[in-house]
PDB file of N, CA and C in Angstrom:
ATOM      1  N   MET A   1      15.436   2.578 -22.887  1.00  0.00           N
ATOM      2  CA  MET A   1      15.917   3.192 -21.676  1.00  0.00           C
ATOM      3  C   MET A   1      15.416   2.396 -20.485  1.00  0.00           C
ATOM      4  N   GLY A   2      16.295   2.065 -19.596  1.00  0.00           N
ATOM      5  CA  GLY A   2      15.922   1.350 -18.393  1.00  0.00           C
ATOM      6  C   GLY A   2      15.564   2.307 -17.275  1.00  0.00           C
ATOM      7  N   GLN A   3      15.171   1.725 -16.170  1.00  0.00           N
ATOM      8  CA  GLN A   3      14.833   2.495 -14.981  1.00  0.00           C
ATOM      9  C   GLN A   3      16.105   2.814 -14.199  1.00  0.00           C
ATOM     10  N   PRO A   4      16.115   3.942 -13.463  1.00  0.00           N
ATOM     11  CA  PRO A   4      17.271   4.229 -12.624  1.00  0.00           C
ATOM     12  C   PRO A   4      17.450   3.145 -11.568  1.00  0.00           C
ATOM     13  N   ALA A   5      18.696   2.877 -11.227  1.00  0.00           N
ATOM     14  CA  ALA A   5      18.975   1.870 -10.197  1.00  0.00           C
ATOM     15  C   ALA A   5      18.434   2.341  -8.859  1.00  0.00           C
ATOM     16  N   GLN A   6      17.894   1.424  -8.079  1.00  0.00           N
ATOM     17  CA  GLN A   6      17.418   1.713  -6.735  1.00  0.00           C
ATOM     18  C   GLN A   6      18.524   1.358  -5.763  1.00  0.00           C
ATOM     19  N   GLN A   7      19.008   2.315  -5.013  1.00  0.00           N
ATOM     20  CA  GLN A   7      20.101   2.079  -4.085  1.00  0.00           C
ATOM     21  C   GLN A   7      19.704   2.484  -2.673  1.00  0.00           C
ATOM     22  N   GLN A   8      18.566   2.001  -2.204  1.00  0.00           N
ATOM     23  CA  GLN A   8      18.118   2.303  -0.860  1.00  0.00           C
ATOM     24  C   GLN A   8      18.405   1.134   0.055  1.00  0.00           C
ATOM     25  N   ASP A   9      18.648   1.461   1.302  1.00  0.00           N
ATOM     26  CA  ASP A   9      18.718   0.408   2.292  1.00  0.00           C
ATOM     27  C   ASP A   9      17.313  -0.109   2.532  1.00  0.00           C
ATOM     28  N   VAL A  10      17.200  -1.378   2.790  1.00  0.00           N
ATOM     29  CA  VAL A  10      15.905  -1.977   3.066  1.00  0.00           C
ATOM     30  C   VAL A  10      15.607  -1.784   4.537  1.00  0.00           C
ATOM     31  N   PRO A  11      14.423  -1.427   4.964  1.00  0.00           N
ATOM     32  CA  PRO A  11      13.279  -1.115   4.127  1.00  0.00           C
ATOM     33  C   PRO A  11      13.402   0.272   3.506  1.00  0.00           C
ATOM     34  N   GLY A  12      12.824   0.434   2.349  1.00  0.00           N
ATOM     35  CA  GLY A  12      12.892   1.702   1.633  1.00  0.00           C
ATOM     36  C   GLY A  12      11.751   2.621   2.002  1.00  0.00           C
ATOM     37  N   VAL A  13      11.961   3.898   1.777  1.00  0.00           N
ATOM     38  CA  VAL A  13      10.930   4.901   2.017  1.00  0.00           C
ATOM     39  C   VAL A  13      10.338   5.282   0.670  1.00  0.00           C
ATOM     40  N   GLN A  14       9.039   5.153   0.542  1.00  0.00           N
ATOM     41  CA  GLN A  14       8.340   5.365  -0.722  1.00  0.00           C
ATOM     42  C   GLN A  14       8.701   6.713  -1.350  1.00  0.00           C
ATOM     43  N   SER A  15       8.706   7.783  -0.579  1.00  0.00           N
ATOM     44  CA  SER A  15       8.937   9.115  -1.130  1.00  0.00           C
ATOM     45  C   SER A  15      10.357   9.308  -1.667  1.00  0.00           C
ATOM     46  N   GLU A  16      11.292   8.450  -1.279  1.00  0.00           N
ATOM     47  CA  GLU A  16      12.667   8.556  -1.754  1.00  0.00           C
ATOM     48  C   GLU A  16      12.934   7.719  -3.003  1.00  0.00           C
ATOM     49  N   MET A  17      11.965   6.945  -3.450  1.00  0.00           N
ATOM     50  CA  MET A  17      12.160   6.088  -4.614  1.00  0.00           C
ATOM     51  C   MET A  17      12.111   6.914  -5.894  1.00  0.00           C
ATOM     52  N   ASP A  18      13.001   6.598  -6.834  1.00  0.00           N
ATOM     53  CA  ASP A  18      13.062   7.297  -8.103  1.00  0.00           C
ATOM     54  C   ASP A  18      13.266   6.283  -9.213  1.00  0.00           C
ATOM     55  N   PRO A  19      12.308   6.068 -10.054  1.00  0.00           N
ATOM     56  CA  PRO A  19      11.039   6.777 -10.119  1.00  0.00           C
ATOM     57  C   PRO A  19      10.088   6.328  -9.011  1.00  0.00           C
ATOM     58  N   THR A  20       9.127   7.177  -8.701  1.00  0.00           N
ATOM     59  CA  THR A  20       8.128   6.845  -7.694  1.00  0.00           C
ATOM     60  C   THR A  20       7.268   5.700  -8.234  1.00  0.00           C
ATOM     61  N   PRO A  21       7.093   4.636  -7.454  1.00  0.00           N
ATOM     62  CA  PRO A  21       6.283   3.510  -7.934  1.00  0.00           C
ATOM     63  C   PRO A  21       4.818   3.890  -8.132  1.00  0.00           C
ATOM     64  N   ASP A  22       4.195   3.290  -9.124  1.00  0.00           N
ATOM     65  CA  ASP A  22       2.753   3.428  -9.313  1.00  0.00           C
ATOM     66  C   ASP A  22       2.098   2.287  -8.555  1.00  0.00           C
ATOM     67  N   CYS A  23       1.515   2.588  -7.421  1.00  0.00           N
ATOM     68  CA  CYS A  23       0.874   1.568  -6.587  1.00  0.00           C
ATOM     69  C   CYS A  23      -0.631   1.531  -6.808  1.00  0.00           C
ATOM     70  N   GLY A  24      -1.098   2.181  -7.867  1.00  0.00           N
ATOM     71  CA  GLY A  24      -2.519   2.187  -8.163  1.00  0.00           C
ATOM     72  C   GLY A  24      -3.292   3.242  -7.413  1.00  0.00           C
ATOM     73  N   GLU A  25      -2.582   4.182  -6.782  1.00  0.00           N
ATOM     74  CA  GLU A  25      -3.258   5.209  -5.994  1.00  0.00           C
ATOM     75  C   GLU A  25      -4.318   5.935  -6.817  1.00  0.00           C
ATOM     76  N   GLU A  26      -4.020   6.180  -8.066  1.00  0.00           N
ATOM     77  CA  GLU A  26      -4.965   6.891  -8.935  1.00  0.00           C
ATOM     78  C   GLU A  26      -5.537   5.992 -10.029  1.00  0.00           C
ATOM     79  N   SER A  27      -4.812   4.950 -10.395  1.00  0.00           N
ATOM     80  CA  SER A  27      -5.174   4.187 -11.595  1.00  0.00           C
ATOM     81  C   SER A  27      -6.061   2.971 -11.345  1.00  0.00           C
ATOM     82  N   TYR A  28      -6.020   2.376 -10.153  1.00  0.00           N
ATOM     83  CA  TYR A  28      -6.737   1.118  -9.938  1.00  0.00           C
ATOM     84  C   TYR A  28      -8.158   1.367  -9.468  1.00  0.00           C
ATOM     85  N   LYS A  29      -9.103   0.763 -10.153  1.00  0.00           N
ATOM     86  CA  LYS A  29     -10.517   0.823  -9.786  1.00  0.00           C
ATOM     87  C   LYS A  29     -10.972  -0.589  -9.456  1.00  0.00           C
ATOM     88  N   GLY A  30     -11.506  -0.784  -8.271  1.00  0.00           N
ATOM     89  CA  GLY A  30     -11.950  -2.112  -7.852  1.00  0.00           C
ATOM     90  C   GLY A  30     -13.352  -2.429  -8.314  1.00  0.00           C
ATOM     91  N   SER A  31     -13.761  -3.672  -8.064  1.00  0.00           N
ATOM     92  CA  SER A  31     -15.098  -4.117  -8.477  1.00  0.00           C
ATOM     93  C   SER A  31     -15.827  -4.873  -7.374  1.00  0.00           C
ATOM     94  N   GLY A  32     -15.337  -4.820  -6.132  1.00  0.00           N
ATOM     95  CA  GLY A  32     -16.047  -5.433  -5.012  1.00  0.00           C
ATOM     96  C   GLY A  32     -15.872  -6.929  -4.869  1.00  0.00           C
ATOM     97  N   LYS A  33     -14.860  -7.513  -5.491  1.00  0.00           N
ATOM     98  CA  LYS A  33     -14.676  -8.963  -5.435  1.00  0.00           C
ATOM     99  C   LYS A  33     -14.325  -9.487  -4.049  1.00  0.00           C
ATOM    100  N   LEU A  34     -13.872  -8.608  -3.137  1.00  0.00           N
ATOM    101  CA  LEU A  34     -13.480  -9.039  -1.790  1.00  0.00           C
ATOM    102  C   LEU A  34     -14.384  -8.437  -0.709  1.00  0.00           C
ATOM    103  N   THR A  35     -15.555  -7.995  -1.081  1.00  0.00           N
ATOM    104  CA  THR A  35     -16.475  -7.393  -0.120  1.00  0.00           C
ATOM    105  C   THR A  35     -16.751  -8.364   1.027  1.00  0.00           C
ATOM    106  N   GLY A  36     -16.612  -7.833   2.254  1.00  0.00           N
ATOM    107  CA  GLY A  36     -16.849  -8.647   3.436  1.00  0.00           C
ATOM    108  C   GLY A  36     -15.650  -9.451   3.894  1.00  0.00           C
ATOM    109  N   LYS A  37     -14.548  -9.339   3.208  1.00  0.00           N
ATOM    110  CA  LYS A  37     -13.329 -10.077   3.563  1.00  0.00           C
ATOM    111  C   LYS A  37     -12.355  -9.157   4.299  1.00  0.00           C
ATOM    112  N   ALA A  38     -11.329  -9.761   4.895  1.00  0.00           N
ATOM    113  CA  ALA A  38     -10.250  -9.020   5.542  1.00  0.00           C
ATOM    114  C   ALA A  38      -8.927  -9.582   5.038  1.00  0.00           C
ATOM    115  N   ALA A  39      -7.923  -8.715   4.983  1.00  0.00           N
ATOM    116  CA  ALA A  39      -6.610  -9.120   4.500  1.00  0.00           C
ATOM    117  C   ALA A  39      -5.532  -8.636   5.459  1.00  0.00           C
ATOM    118  N   VAL A  40      -4.472  -9.432   5.596  1.00  0.00           N
ATOM    119  CA  VAL A  40      -3.280  -9.052   6.345  1.00  0.00           C
ATOM    120  C   VAL A  40      -2.140  -8.992   5.338  1.00  0.00           C
ATOM    121  N   ILE A  41      -1.480  -7.836   5.258  1.00  0.00           N
ATOM    122  CA  ILE A  41      -0.416  -7.648   4.274  1.00  0.00           C
ATOM    123  C   ILE A  41       0.849  -7.214   4.995  1.00  0.00           C
ATOM    124  N   THR A  42       1.885  -8.018   4.902  1.00  0.00           N
ATOM    125  CA  THR A  42       3.170  -7.640   5.484  1.00  0.00           C
ATOM    126  C   THR A  42       3.895  -6.732   4.505  1.00  0.00           C
ATOM    127  N   GLY A  43       4.546  -5.726   5.036  1.00  0.00           N
ATOM    128  CA  GLY A  43       5.236  -4.772   4.169  1.00  0.00           C
ATOM    129  C   GLY A  43       4.266  -3.927   3.376  1.00  0.00           C
ATOM    130  N   GLY A  44       3.093  -3.679   3.928  1.00  0.00           N
ATOM    131  CA  GLY A  44       2.049  -2.955   3.205  1.00  0.00           C
ATOM    132  C   GLY A  44       2.208  -1.454   3.181  1.00  0.00           C
ATOM    133  N   ASP A  45       3.296  -0.937   3.710  1.00  0.00           N
ATOM    134  CA  ASP A  45       3.468   0.504   3.778  1.00  0.00           C
ATOM    135  C   ASP A  45       3.921   1.123   2.456  1.00  0.00           C
ATOM    136  N   SER A  46       4.606   0.362   1.603  1.00  0.00           N
ATOM    137  CA  SER A  46       5.138   0.945   0.375  1.00  0.00           C
ATOM    138  C   SER A  46       5.335  -0.128  -0.693  1.00  0.00           C
ATOM    139  N   GLY A  47       5.623   0.349  -1.892  1.00  0.00           N
ATOM    140  CA  GLY A  47       5.940  -0.550  -3.000  1.00  0.00           C
ATOM    141  C   GLY A  47       4.836  -1.532  -3.332  1.00  0.00           C
ATOM    142  N   ILE A  48       5.219  -2.775  -3.568  1.00  0.00           N
ATOM    143  CA  ILE A  48       4.262  -3.812  -3.948  1.00  0.00           C
ATOM    144  C   ILE A  48       3.232  -4.022  -2.841  1.00  0.00           C
ATOM    145  N   GLY A  49       3.674  -3.996  -1.581  1.00  0.00           N
ATOM    146  CA  GLY A  49       2.737  -4.162  -0.475  1.00  0.00           C
ATOM    147  C   GLY A  49       1.671  -3.090  -0.464  1.00  0.00           C
ATOM    148  N   ARG A  50       2.059  -1.844  -0.714  1.00  0.00           N
ATOM    149  CA  ARG A  50       1.073  -0.762  -0.791  1.00  0.00           C
ATOM    150  C   ARG A  50       0.102  -0.996  -1.934  1.00  0.00           C
ATOM    151  N   ALA A  51       0.628  -1.392  -3.087  1.00  0.00           N
ATOM    152  CA  ALA A  51      -0.231  -1.643  -4.240  1.00  0.00           C
ATOM    153  C   ALA A  51      -1.269  -2.726  -3.925  1.00  0.00           C
ATOM    154  N   VAL A  52      -0.845  -3.782  -3.255  1.00  0.00           N
ATOM    155  CA  VAL A  52      -1.768  -4.863  -2.890  1.00  0.00           C
ATOM    156  C   VAL A  52      -2.796  -4.359  -1.886  1.00  0.00           C
ATOM    157  N   ALA A  53      -2.356  -3.580  -0.891  1.00  0.00           N
ATOM    158  CA  ALA A  53      -3.278  -3.049   0.113  1.00  0.00           C
ATOM    159  C   ALA A  53      -4.352  -2.176  -0.535  1.00  0.00           C
ATOM    160  N   ILE A  54      -3.940  -1.307  -1.436  1.00  0.00           N
ATOM    161  CA  ILE A  54      -4.902  -0.448  -2.127  1.00  0.00           C
ATOM    162  C   ILE A  54      -5.862  -1.279  -2.969  1.00  0.00           C
ATOM    163  N   ALA A  55      -5.326  -2.239  -3.709  1.00  0.00           N
ATOM    164  CA  ALA A  55      -6.183  -3.078  -4.554  1.00  0.00           C
ATOM    165  C   ALA A  55      -7.187  -3.859  -3.724  1.00  0.00           C
ATOM    166  N   PHE A  56      -6.730  -4.467  -2.628  1.00  0.00           N
ATOM    167  CA  PHE A  56      -7.640  -5.236  -1.779  1.00  0.00           C
ATOM    168  C   PHE A  56      -8.726  -4.347  -1.206  1.00  0.00           C
ATOM    169  N   ALA A  57      -8.359  -3.139  -0.762  1.00  0.00           N
ATOM    170  CA  ALA A  57      -9.359  -2.220  -0.215  1.00  0.00           C
ATOM    171  C   ALA A  57     -10.369  -1.822  -1.275  1.00  0.00           C
ATOM    172  N   ARG A  58      -9.905  -1.551  -2.460  1.00  0.00           N
ATOM    173  CA  ARG A  58     -10.821  -1.146  -3.530  1.00  0.00           C
ATOM    174  C   ARG A  58     -11.666  -2.308  -4.025  1.00  0.00           C
ATOM    175  N   GLU A  59     -11.233  -3.513  -3.728  1.00  0.00           N
ATOM    176  CA  GLU A  59     -12.058  -4.688  -4.021  1.00  0.00           C
ATOM    177  C   GLU A  59     -13.021  -4.994  -2.875  1.00  0.00           C
ATOM    178  N   GLY A  60     -12.939  -4.222  -1.777  1.00  0.00           N
ATOM    179  CA  GLY A  60     -13.923  -4.352  -0.709  1.00  0.00           C
ATOM    180  C   GLY A  60     -13.432  -4.926   0.602  1.00  0.00           C
ATOM    181  N   ALA A  61     -12.149  -5.271   0.718  1.00  0.00           N
ATOM    182  CA  ALA A  61     -11.636  -5.885   1.943  1.00  0.00           C
ATOM    183  C   ALA A  61     -11.167  -4.829   2.939  1.00  0.00           C
ATOM    184  N   ASP A  62     -11.354  -5.113   4.224  1.00  0.00           N
ATOM    185  CA  ASP A  62     -10.679  -4.360   5.273  1.00  0.00           C
ATOM    186  C   ASP A  62      -9.241  -4.855   5.288  1.00  0.00           C
ATOM    187  N   VAL A  63      -8.293  -3.965   5.606  1.00  0.00           N
ATOM    188  CA  VAL A  63      -6.885  -4.323   5.446  1.00  0.00           C
ATOM    189  C   VAL A  63      -6.066  -3.966   6.679  1.00  0.00           C
ATOM    190  N   LEU A  64      -5.293  -4.932   7.174  1.00  0.00           N
ATOM    191  CA  LEU A  64      -4.277  -4.711   8.186  1.00  0.00           C
ATOM    192  C   LEU A  64      -2.942  -4.762   7.480  1.00  0.00           C
ATOM    193  N   ILE A  65      -2.132  -3.719   7.671  1.00  0.00           N
ATOM    194  CA  ILE A  65      -0.773  -3.742   7.126  1.00  0.00           C
ATOM    195  C   ILE A  65       0.215  -3.750   8.278  1.00  0.00           C
ATOM    196  N   SER A  66       1.238  -4.568   8.132  1.00  0.00           N
ATOM    197  CA  SER A  66       2.350  -4.547   9.088  1.00  0.00           C
ATOM    198  C   SER A  66       3.554  -3.973   8.359  1.00  0.00           C
ATOM    199  N   TYR A  67       4.420  -3.339   9.147  1.00  0.00           N
ATOM    200  CA  TYR A  67       5.595  -2.703   8.566  1.00  0.00           C
ATOM    201  C   TYR A  67       6.667  -2.586   9.633  1.00  0.00           C
ATOM    202  N   LEU A  68       7.882  -2.206   9.236  1.00  0.00           N
ATOM    203  CA  LEU A  68       8.989  -2.119  10.188  1.00  0.00           C
ATOM    204  C   LEU A  68       9.044  -0.758  10.880  1.00  0.00           C
ATOM    205  N   SER A  69       9.403   0.296  10.145  1.00  0.00           N
ATOM    206  CA  SER A  69       9.608   1.575  10.809  1.00  0.00           C
ATOM    207  C   SER A  69       9.185   2.790   9.988  1.00  0.00           C
ATOM    208  N   GLU A  70       8.577   2.580   8.861  1.00  0.00           N
ATOM    209  CA  GLU A  70       8.221   3.686   7.965  1.00  0.00           C
ATOM    210  C   GLU A  70       6.834   4.209   8.314  1.00  0.00           C
ATOM    211  N   ASP A  71       6.731   4.920   9.449  1.00  0.00           N
ATOM    212  CA  ASP A  71       5.429   5.367   9.948  1.00  0.00           C
ATOM    213  C   ASP A  71       4.675   6.243   8.948  1.00  0.00           C
ATOM    214  N   ASP A  72       5.365   7.188   8.317  1.00  0.00           N
ATOM    215  CA  ASP A  72       4.696   8.083   7.372  1.00  0.00           C
ATOM    216  C   ASP A  72       4.127   7.313   6.180  1.00  0.00           C
ATOM    217  N   ASP A  73       4.909   6.369   5.654  1.00  0.00           N
ATOM    218  CA  ASP A  73       4.416   5.547   4.538  1.00  0.00           C
ATOM    219  C   ASP A  73       3.193   4.735   4.963  1.00  0.00           C
ATOM    220  N   ALA A  74       3.238   4.163   6.144  1.00  0.00           N
ATOM    221  CA  ALA A  74       2.114   3.356   6.632  1.00  0.00           C
ATOM    222  C   ALA A  74       0.855   4.206   6.795  1.00  0.00           C
ATOM    223  N   GLU A  75       1.015   5.408   7.331  1.00  0.00           N
ATOM    224  CA  GLU A  75      -0.142   6.297   7.499  1.00  0.00           C
ATOM    225  C   GLU A  75      -0.730   6.686   6.149  1.00  0.00           C
ATOM    226  N   GLU A  76       0.135   6.923   5.166  1.00  0.00           N
ATOM    227  CA  GLU A  76      -0.352   7.275   3.834  1.00  0.00           C
ATOM    228  C   GLU A  76      -1.110   6.105   3.207  1.00  0.00           C
ATOM    229  N   THR A  77      -0.569   4.901   3.342  1.00  0.00           N
ATOM    230  CA  THR A  77      -1.270   3.726   2.819  1.00  0.00           C
ATOM    231  C   THR A  77      -2.619   3.563   3.508  1.00  0.00           C
ATOM    232  N   ALA A  78      -2.653   3.762   4.826  1.00  0.00           N
ATOM    233  CA  ALA A  78      -3.910   3.657   5.569  1.00  0.00           C
ATOM    234  C   ALA A  78      -4.938   4.654   5.040  1.00  0.00           C
ATOM    235  N   ARG A  79      -4.501   5.854   4.685  1.00  0.00           N
ATOM    236  CA  ARG A  79      -5.437   6.847   4.131  1.00  0.00           C
ATOM    237  C   ARG A  79      -6.041   6.354   2.815  1.00  0.00           C
ATOM    238  N   TYR A  80      -5.216   5.726   1.965  1.00  0.00           N
ATOM    239  CA  TYR A  80      -5.759   5.193   0.708  1.00  0.00           C
ATOM    240  C   TYR A  80      -6.795   4.103   0.981  1.00  0.00           C
ATOM    241  N   ILE A  81      -6.528   3.269   1.968  1.00  0.00           N
ATOM    242  CA  ILE A  81      -7.475   2.204   2.329  1.00  0.00           C
ATOM    243  C   ILE A  81      -8.778   2.821   2.816  1.00  0.00           C
ATOM    244  N   GLU A  82      -8.676   3.796   3.713  1.00  0.00           N
ATOM    245  CA  GLU A  82      -9.865   4.442   4.248  1.00  0.00           C
ATOM    246  C   GLU A  82     -10.608   5.239   3.184  1.00  0.00           C
ATOM    247  N   ASP A  83      -9.874   5.846   2.251  1.00  0.00           N
ATOM    248  CA  ASP A  83     -10.516   6.565   1.143  1.00  0.00           C
ATOM    249  C   ASP A  83     -11.338   5.622   0.275  1.00  0.00           C
ATOM    250  N   ALA A  84     -10.969   4.352   0.275  1.00  0.00           N
ATOM    251  CA  ALA A  84     -11.730   3.342  -0.473  1.00  0.00           C
ATOM    252  C   ALA A  84     -12.948   2.877   0.326  1.00  0.00           C
ATOM    253  N   GLY A  85     -13.136   3.456   1.525  1.00  0.00           N
ATOM    254  CA  GLY A  85     -14.294   3.099   2.335  1.00  0.00           C
ATOM    255  C   GLY A  85     -14.100   1.873   3.189  1.00  0.00           C
ATOM    256  N   ARG A  86     -12.858   1.452   3.382  1.00  0.00           N
ATOM    257  CA  ARG A  86     -12.559   0.241   4.139  1.00  0.00           C
ATOM    258  C   ARG A  86     -11.826   0.592   5.421  1.00  0.00           C
ATOM    259  N   ARG A  87     -11.799  -0.344   6.345  1.00  0.00           N
ATOM    260  CA  ARG A  87     -11.086  -0.178   7.615  1.00  0.00           C
ATOM    261  C   ARG A  87      -9.611  -0.482   7.408  1.00  0.00           C
ATOM    262  N   ALA A  88      -8.751   0.396   7.942  1.00  0.00           N
ATOM    263  CA  ALA A  88      -7.304   0.207   7.875  1.00  0.00           C
ATOM    264  C   ALA A  88      -6.767   0.060   9.279  1.00  0.00           C
ATOM    265  N   VAL A  89      -5.904  -0.932   9.477  1.00  0.00           N
ATOM    266  CA  VAL A  89      -5.201  -1.140  10.741  1.00  0.00           C
ATOM    267  C   VAL A  89      -3.726  -1.207  10.404  1.00  0.00           C
ATOM    268  N   THR A  90      -2.909  -0.427  11.128  1.00  0.00           N
ATOM    269  CA  THR A  90      -1.461  -0.478  10.922  1.00  0.00           C
ATOM    270  C   THR A  90      -0.808  -1.065  12.166  1.00  0.00           C
ATOM    271  N   VAL A  91       0.173  -1.949  11.943  1.00  0.00           N
ATOM    272  CA  VAL A  91       0.902  -2.590  13.033  1.00  0.00           C
ATOM    273  C   VAL A  91       2.384  -2.452  12.756  1.00  0.00           C
ATOM    274  N   ARG A  92       3.059  -1.685  13.604  1.00  0.00           N
ATOM    275  CA  ARG A  92       4.492  -1.501  13.430  1.00  0.00           C
ATOM    276  C   ARG A  92       5.243  -2.720  13.934  1.00  0.00           C
TER     277      ARG A  92
END
């Protein structure tokens, strides 16, 4: 069985994706490999960008995410970064 087709206009809204992507919100555990570093992630509000932002934060990096217009998705990603104990900056 394959995955359902994604028919969203770009950029997509995370909450409208079916199936909902696993961005590591619950599954990814970091090990501090990026402690003291900072990362800039474009498209960090959802999908692969969100997964990378969460992973980098859990590895110890402060994270700036840029995004187009998905404010709610960006705020949610920022919460995951901050929950990992790192600084989150969002830039629309």
